[in-house]
Every structure is written in structure tokens, then in C-alpha cells.
Amino acid sequence: MKIPILYITSIFLISLTMLSGCKSRAQKVENAEDKVQDVKKDLADSKKELYQIRLDTISNYEQFKIEAHKIIIVQEKNIADFKAVLASKKRDINADYDKKLLELENKNSELKNKLADYKDDGQDKWDAFKKEFSYDIKELGKAFKDLTIQNTK
């Protein structure tokens, strides 16, 4: 008699444990809906952050483009002024200066085209482009400065 009571008691305890551990379908659906809402909220937040980052990148690009364009225009003006000075002096070395000025004009035009042709390809490529372009602009400025310094010596 002890054995059937032991079996019935153990089956009852196991059944009670299993039933108490299980959630109803309504609870499972509610938990799943909560999780979906959380994920949707996270997705919306991520989209807002991505949009803001893109706006920042676009505004940085536009600001850099405007500043670079101003520098290019100044370089063009400097080259034109220097050509006018050389034309008034009419020395034998003008041919060398004309050749160097033509090279500078070509580099300036290349930079202008490079800036106009740049497309937004992500932050890493933008940083690389910005660094390279800034370096090229500085080198062009140095080359022009070296050319004008040689002229005064």
C-alpha cells in the first residue's frame, strides 16, 4: 500500500511542478509582444541616430567643400596675379615660370574636379578623402609659395 500512495504522490508533485512552471498562451503572447515593441523602439532609435550621423557628415562635407573651394579660388587668383607680374617683367626665365604655373593650374583644376566628383561613401572613406585632399591643397600652396620665393631671389 505504501508503494501506490508513493506513486500517486510523486505523480501529483511532478504534475503540479510542470503546471506551475508553464505559462499560459496569453502570457507568452504578451511577453513576445513586449519584446517586439522593445525591438521596434530600439530600431527606431538606431534609425534616428543613423540619420543624425548622416546629417552631420553631410554638413561636414558641405562645410569642407565650401572652404576648399574658397582655397582653390584664392590659388587661381594668385596664379593669375603671378602671371600678370611675369608678363610685365618679360624676362628670359618666364618660360620656366610659365611651365611651372601651368603645372600648378593643372593641379588646381584636378583638385577642383576631385572635390566636385566626390560621392558620400561612408565615414571612413570621407576621412581618408578629407585627409588626402587637405594634404594636396597644402602641397599646392607650398609649391606656389616656393615658386614665388624663387622669383624674388
C-alpha atoms as a PDB file:
ATOM      1  CA  MET A   1       0.000   0.000   0.000  1.00  0.00           C
ATOM      2  CA  LYS A   2       2.867   2.313   0.603  1.00  0.00           C
ATOM      3  CA  ILE A   3       4.034   1.979  -2.981  1.00  0.00           C
ATOM      4  CA  PRO A   4       0.767   3.100  -4.684  1.00  0.00           C
ATOM      5  CA  ILE A   5       0.495   6.100  -2.343  1.00  0.00           C
ATOM      6  CA  LEU A   6       4.129   6.980  -3.096  1.00  0.00           C
ATOM      7  CA  TYR A   7       3.460   6.706  -6.849  1.00  0.00           C
ATOM      8  CA  ILE A   8       0.336   8.828  -6.654  1.00  0.00           C
ATOM      9  CA  THR A   9       2.077  11.450  -4.516  1.00  0.00           C
ATOM     10  CA  SER A  10       5.114  11.644  -6.794  1.00  0.00           C
ATOM     11  CA  ILE A  11       2.925  11.864  -9.934  1.00  0.00           C
ATOM     12  CA  PHE A  12       0.874  14.593  -8.266  1.00  0.00           C
ATOM     13  CA  LEU A  13       4.012  16.579  -7.306  1.00  0.00           C
ATOM     14  CA  ILE A  14       5.528  16.214 -10.761  1.00  0.00           C
ATOM     15  CA  SER A  15       2.265  17.308 -12.390  1.00  0.00           C
ATOM     16  CA  LEU A  16       1.954  20.256 -10.034  1.00  0.00           C
ATOM     17  CA  THR A  17       5.548  21.318 -10.739  1.00  0.00           C
ATOM     18  CA  MET A  18       5.037  21.085 -14.505  1.00  0.00           C
ATOM     19  CA  LEU A  19       1.787  23.027 -14.439  1.00  0.00           C
ATOM     20  CA  SER A  20       3.115  25.757 -12.196  1.00  0.00           C
ATOM     21  CA  GLY A  21       6.231  26.193 -14.377  1.00  0.00           C
ATOM     22  CA  CYS A  22       4.272  26.599 -17.601  1.00  0.00           C
ATOM     23  CA  LYS A  23       2.946  29.954 -18.663  1.00  0.00           C
ATOM     24  CA  SER A  24      -0.351  30.366 -20.342  1.00  0.00           C
ATOM     25  CA  ARG A  25      -0.520  31.195 -24.016  1.00  0.00           C
ATOM     26  CA  ALA A  26      -1.761  34.665 -23.215  1.00  0.00           C
ATOM     27  CA  GLN A  27       1.285  35.316 -21.051  1.00  0.00           C
ATOM     28  CA  LYS A  28       3.624  34.011 -23.754  1.00  0.00           C
ATOM     29  CA  VAL A  29       1.962  36.190 -26.406  1.00  0.00           C
ATOM     30  CA  GLU A  30       2.116  39.220 -24.125  1.00  0.00           C
ATOM     31  CA  ASN A  31       5.832  38.666 -23.424  1.00  0.00           C
ATOM     32  CA  ALA A  32       6.534  38.242 -27.138  1.00  0.00           C
ATOM     33  CA  GLU A  33       4.634  41.453 -27.940  1.00  0.00           C
ATOM     34  CA  ASP A  34       6.621  43.314 -25.307  1.00  0.00           C
ATOM     35  CA  LYS A  35       9.852  42.062 -26.818  1.00  0.00           C
ATOM     36  CA  VAL A  36       8.727  43.068 -30.305  1.00  0.00           C
ATOM     37  CA  GLN A  37       7.844  46.559 -29.064  1.00  0.00           C
ATOM     38  CA  ASP A  38      11.254  46.887 -27.421  1.00  0.00           C
ATOM     39  CA  VAL A  39      12.998  45.817 -30.614  1.00  0.00           C
ATOM     40  CA  LYS A  40      10.904  48.248 -32.683  1.00  0.00           C
ATOM     41  CA  LYS A  41      11.792  51.066 -30.298  1.00  0.00           C
ATOM     42  CA  ASP A  42      15.490  50.168 -30.486  1.00  0.00           C
ATOM     43  CA  LEU A  43      15.265  50.077 -34.286  1.00  0.00           C
ATOM     44  CA  ALA A  44      13.585  53.489 -34.389  1.00  0.00           C
ATOM     45  CA  ASP A  45      16.270  54.927 -32.086  1.00  0.00           C
ATOM     46  CA  SER A  46      19.004  53.430 -34.248  1.00  0.00           C
ATOM     47  CA  LYS A  47      17.449  54.922 -37.378  1.00  0.00           C
ATOM     48  CA  LYS A  48      17.303  58.346 -35.735  1.00  0.00           C
ATOM     49  CA  GLU A  49      20.956  58.103 -34.713  1.00  0.00           C
ATOM     50  CA  LEU A  50      21.984  56.992 -38.205  1.00  0.00           C
ATOM     51  CA  TYR A  51      20.008  59.851 -39.749  1.00  0.00           C
ATOM     52  CA  GLN A  52      21.687  62.353 -37.419  1.00  0.00           C
ATOM     53  CA  ILE A  53      25.127  60.941 -38.208  1.00  0.00           C
ATOM     54  CA  ARG A  54      24.424  61.266 -41.919  1.00  0.00           C
ATOM     55  CA  LEU A  55      23.265  64.859 -41.456  1.00  0.00           C
ATOM     56  CA  ASP A  56      26.430  65.638 -39.529  1.00  0.00           C
ATOM     57  CA  THR A  57      28.552  64.012 -42.234  1.00  0.00           C
ATOM     58  CA  ILE A  58      26.737  65.888 -44.991  1.00  0.00           C
ATOM     59  CA  SER A  59      27.101  69.198 -43.187  1.00  0.00           C
ATOM     60  CA  ASN A  60      30.791  68.476 -42.521  1.00  0.00           C
ATOM     61  CA  TYR A  61      31.242  67.601 -46.184  1.00  0.00           C
ATOM     62  CA  GLU A  62      29.433  70.735 -47.351  1.00  0.00           C
ATOM     63  CA  GLN A  63      31.427  72.934 -44.975  1.00  0.00           C
ATOM     64  CA  PHE A  64      34.711  71.327 -46.072  1.00  0.00           C
ATOM     65  CA  LYS A  65      33.689  71.664 -49.711  1.00  0.00           C
ATOM     66  CA  ILE A  66      32.951  75.376 -49.299  1.00  0.00           C
ATOM     67  CA  GLU A  67      36.256  76.030 -47.526  1.00  0.00           C
ATOM     68  CA  ALA A  68      38.238  74.003 -50.061  1.00  0.00           C
ATOM     69  CA  HIS A  69      36.512  75.772 -52.925  1.00  0.00           C
ATOM     70  CA  LYS A  70      37.495  79.138 -51.410  1.00  0.00           C
ATOM     71  CA  ILE A  71      41.121  77.999 -51.177  1.00  0.00           C
ATOM     72  CA  ILE A  72      41.058  76.818 -54.789  1.00  0.00           C
ATOM     73  CA  ILE A  73      39.664  80.173 -55.927  1.00  0.00           C
ATOM     74  CA  VAL A  74      42.383  82.013 -53.981  1.00  0.00           C
ATOM     75  CA  GLN A  75      45.025  79.793 -55.602  1.00  0.00           C
ATOM     76  CA  GLU A  76      43.586  80.539 -59.047  1.00  0.00           C
ATOM     77  CA  LYS A  77      43.699  84.268 -58.293  1.00  0.00           C
ATOM     78  CA  ASN A  78      47.276  84.028 -57.015  1.00  0.00           C
ATOM     79  CA  ILE A  79      48.360  82.176 -60.147  1.00  0.00           C
ATOM     80  CA  ALA A  80      46.665  84.769 -62.377  1.00  0.00           C
ATOM     81  CA  ASP A  81      48.298  87.626 -60.429  1.00  0.00           C
ATOM     82  CA  PHE A  82      51.688  85.983 -60.661  1.00  0.00           C
ATOM     83  CA  LYS A  83      51.238  85.528 -64.412  1.00  0.00           C
ATOM     84  CA  ALA A  84      50.473  89.223 -64.723  1.00  0.00           C
ATOM     85  CA  VAL A  85      53.631  90.104 -62.783  1.00  0.00           C
ATOM     86  CA  LEU A  86      55.703  87.818 -65.011  1.00  0.00           C
ATOM     87  CA  ALA A  87      54.179  89.294 -68.155  1.00  0.00           C
ATOM     88  CA  SER A  88      55.164  92.774 -67.077  1.00  0.00           C
ATOM     89  CA  LYS A  89      58.780  91.787 -66.355  1.00  0.00           C
ATOM     90  CA  LYS A  90      59.403  89.904 -69.620  1.00  0.00           C
ATOM     91  CA  ARG A  91      62.490  88.072 -68.545  1.00  0.00           C
ATOM     92  CA  ASP A  92      64.118  85.090 -70.210  1.00  0.00           C
ATOM     93  CA  ILE A  93      63.165  82.857 -67.324  1.00  0.00           C
ATOM     94  CA  ASN A  94      59.456  83.461 -67.887  1.00  0.00           C
ATOM     95  CA  ALA A  95      59.251  80.286 -69.946  1.00  0.00           C
ATOM     96  CA  ASP A  96      60.263  78.231 -66.906  1.00  0.00           C
ATOM     97  CA  TYR A  97      57.782  80.060 -64.716  1.00  0.00           C
ATOM     98  CA  ASP A  98      55.059  79.671 -67.320  1.00  0.00           C
ATOM     99  CA  LYS A  99      55.666  75.938 -67.380  1.00  0.00           C
ATOM    100  CA  LYS A 100      55.561  75.712 -63.578  1.00  0.00           C
ATOM    101  CA  LEU A 101      52.466  77.906 -63.423  1.00  0.00           C
ATOM    102  CA  LEU A 102      50.751  75.670 -65.961  1.00  0.00           C
ATOM    103  CA  GLU A 103      51.529  72.663 -63.764  1.00  0.00           C
ATOM    104  CA  LEU A 104      50.098  74.467 -60.752  1.00  0.00           C
ATOM    105  CA  GLU A 105      46.986  75.408 -62.699  1.00  0.00           C
ATOM    106  CA  ASN A 106      46.533  71.786 -63.747  1.00  0.00           C
ATOM    107  CA  LYS A 107      46.922  70.570 -60.163  1.00  0.00           C
ATOM    108  CA  ASN A 108      44.448  73.199 -59.022  1.00  0.00           C
ATOM    109  CA  SER A 109      41.962  72.068 -61.684  1.00  0.00           C
ATOM    110  CA  GLU A 110      42.453  68.431 -60.690  1.00  0.00           C
ATOM    111  CA  LEU A 111      41.706  69.283 -57.074  1.00  0.00           C
ATOM    112  CA  LYS A 112      38.626  71.228 -58.098  1.00  0.00           C
ATOM    113  CA  ASN A 113      37.360  68.259 -60.128  1.00  0.00           C
ATOM    114  CA  LYS A 114      38.244  65.816 -57.381  1.00  0.00           C
ATOM    115  CA  LEU A 115      36.204  67.825 -54.900  1.00  0.00           C
ATOM    116  CA  ALA A 116      33.255  68.109 -57.275  1.00  0.00           C
ATOM    117  CA  ASP A 117      33.305  64.388 -58.132  1.00  0.00           C
ATOM    118  CA  TYR A 118      33.446  63.080 -54.558  1.00  0.00           C
ATOM    119  CA  LYS A 119      30.442  60.970 -53.557  1.00  0.00           C
ATOM    120  CA  ASP A 120      29.471  60.081 -50.000  1.00  0.00           C
ATOM    121  CA  ASP A 121      30.776  56.551 -49.402  1.00  0.00           C
ATOM    122  CA  GLY A 122      30.797  56.416 -45.639  1.00  0.00           C
ATOM    123  CA  GLN A 123      32.684  57.968 -42.779  1.00  0.00           C
ATOM    124  CA  ASP A 124      35.947  56.039 -43.268  1.00  0.00           C
ATOM    125  CA  LYS A 125      36.245  56.968 -46.928  1.00  0.00           C
ATOM    126  CA  TRP A 126      35.267  60.556 -46.125  1.00  0.00           C
ATOM    127  CA  ASP A 127      38.011  60.819 -43.508  1.00  0.00           C
ATOM    128  CA  ALA A 128      40.565  59.399 -45.953  1.00  0.00           C
ATOM    129  CA  PHE A 129      39.390  61.738 -48.726  1.00  0.00           C
ATOM    130  CA  LYS A 130      39.472  64.758 -46.433  1.00  0.00           C
ATOM    131  CA  LYS A 131      42.969  63.948 -45.209  1.00  0.00           C
ATOM    132  CA  GLU A 132      44.329  63.360 -48.716  1.00  0.00           C
ATOM    133  CA  PHE A 133      42.614  66.423 -50.164  1.00  0.00           C
ATOM    134  CA  SER A 134      43.870  68.674 -47.352  1.00  0.00           C
ATOM    135  CA  TYR A 135      47.388  67.364 -47.914  1.00  0.00           C
ATOM    136  CA  ASP A 136      47.136  68.033 -51.661  1.00  0.00           C
ATOM    137  CA  ILE A 137      45.880  71.580 -51.030  1.00  0.00           C
ATOM    138  CA  LYS A 138      48.765  72.280 -48.650  1.00  0.00           C
ATOM    139  CA  GLU A 139      51.282  70.885 -51.128  1.00  0.00           C
ATOM    140  CA  LEU A 140      49.855  73.075 -53.884  1.00  0.00           C
ATOM    141  CA  GLY A 141      50.155  76.100 -51.604  1.00  0.00           C
ATOM    142  CA  LYS A 142      53.756  75.196 -50.766  1.00  0.00           C
ATOM    143  CA  ALA A 143      54.607  74.708 -54.434  1.00  0.00           C
ATOM    144  CA  PHE A 144      53.188  78.119 -55.315  1.00  0.00           C
ATOM    145  CA  LYS A 145      54.981  79.730 -52.393  1.00  0.00           C
ATOM    146  CA  ASP A 146      58.267  78.107 -53.438  1.00  0.00           C
ATOM    147  CA  LEU A 147      57.741  79.358 -56.977  1.00  0.00           C
ATOM    148  CA  THR A 148      57.140  82.939 -55.878  1.00  0.00           C
ATOM    149  CA  ILE A 149      60.055  82.864 -53.418  1.00  0.00           C
ATOM    150  CA  GLN A 150      62.391  81.704 -56.197  1.00  0.00           C
ATOM    151  CA  ASN A 151      61.181  84.620 -58.292  1.00  0.00           C
ATOM    152  CA  THR A 152      62.180  87.214 -55.696  1.00  0.00           C
ATOM    153  CA  LYS A 153      65.698  85.849 -55.166  1.00  0.00           C
END
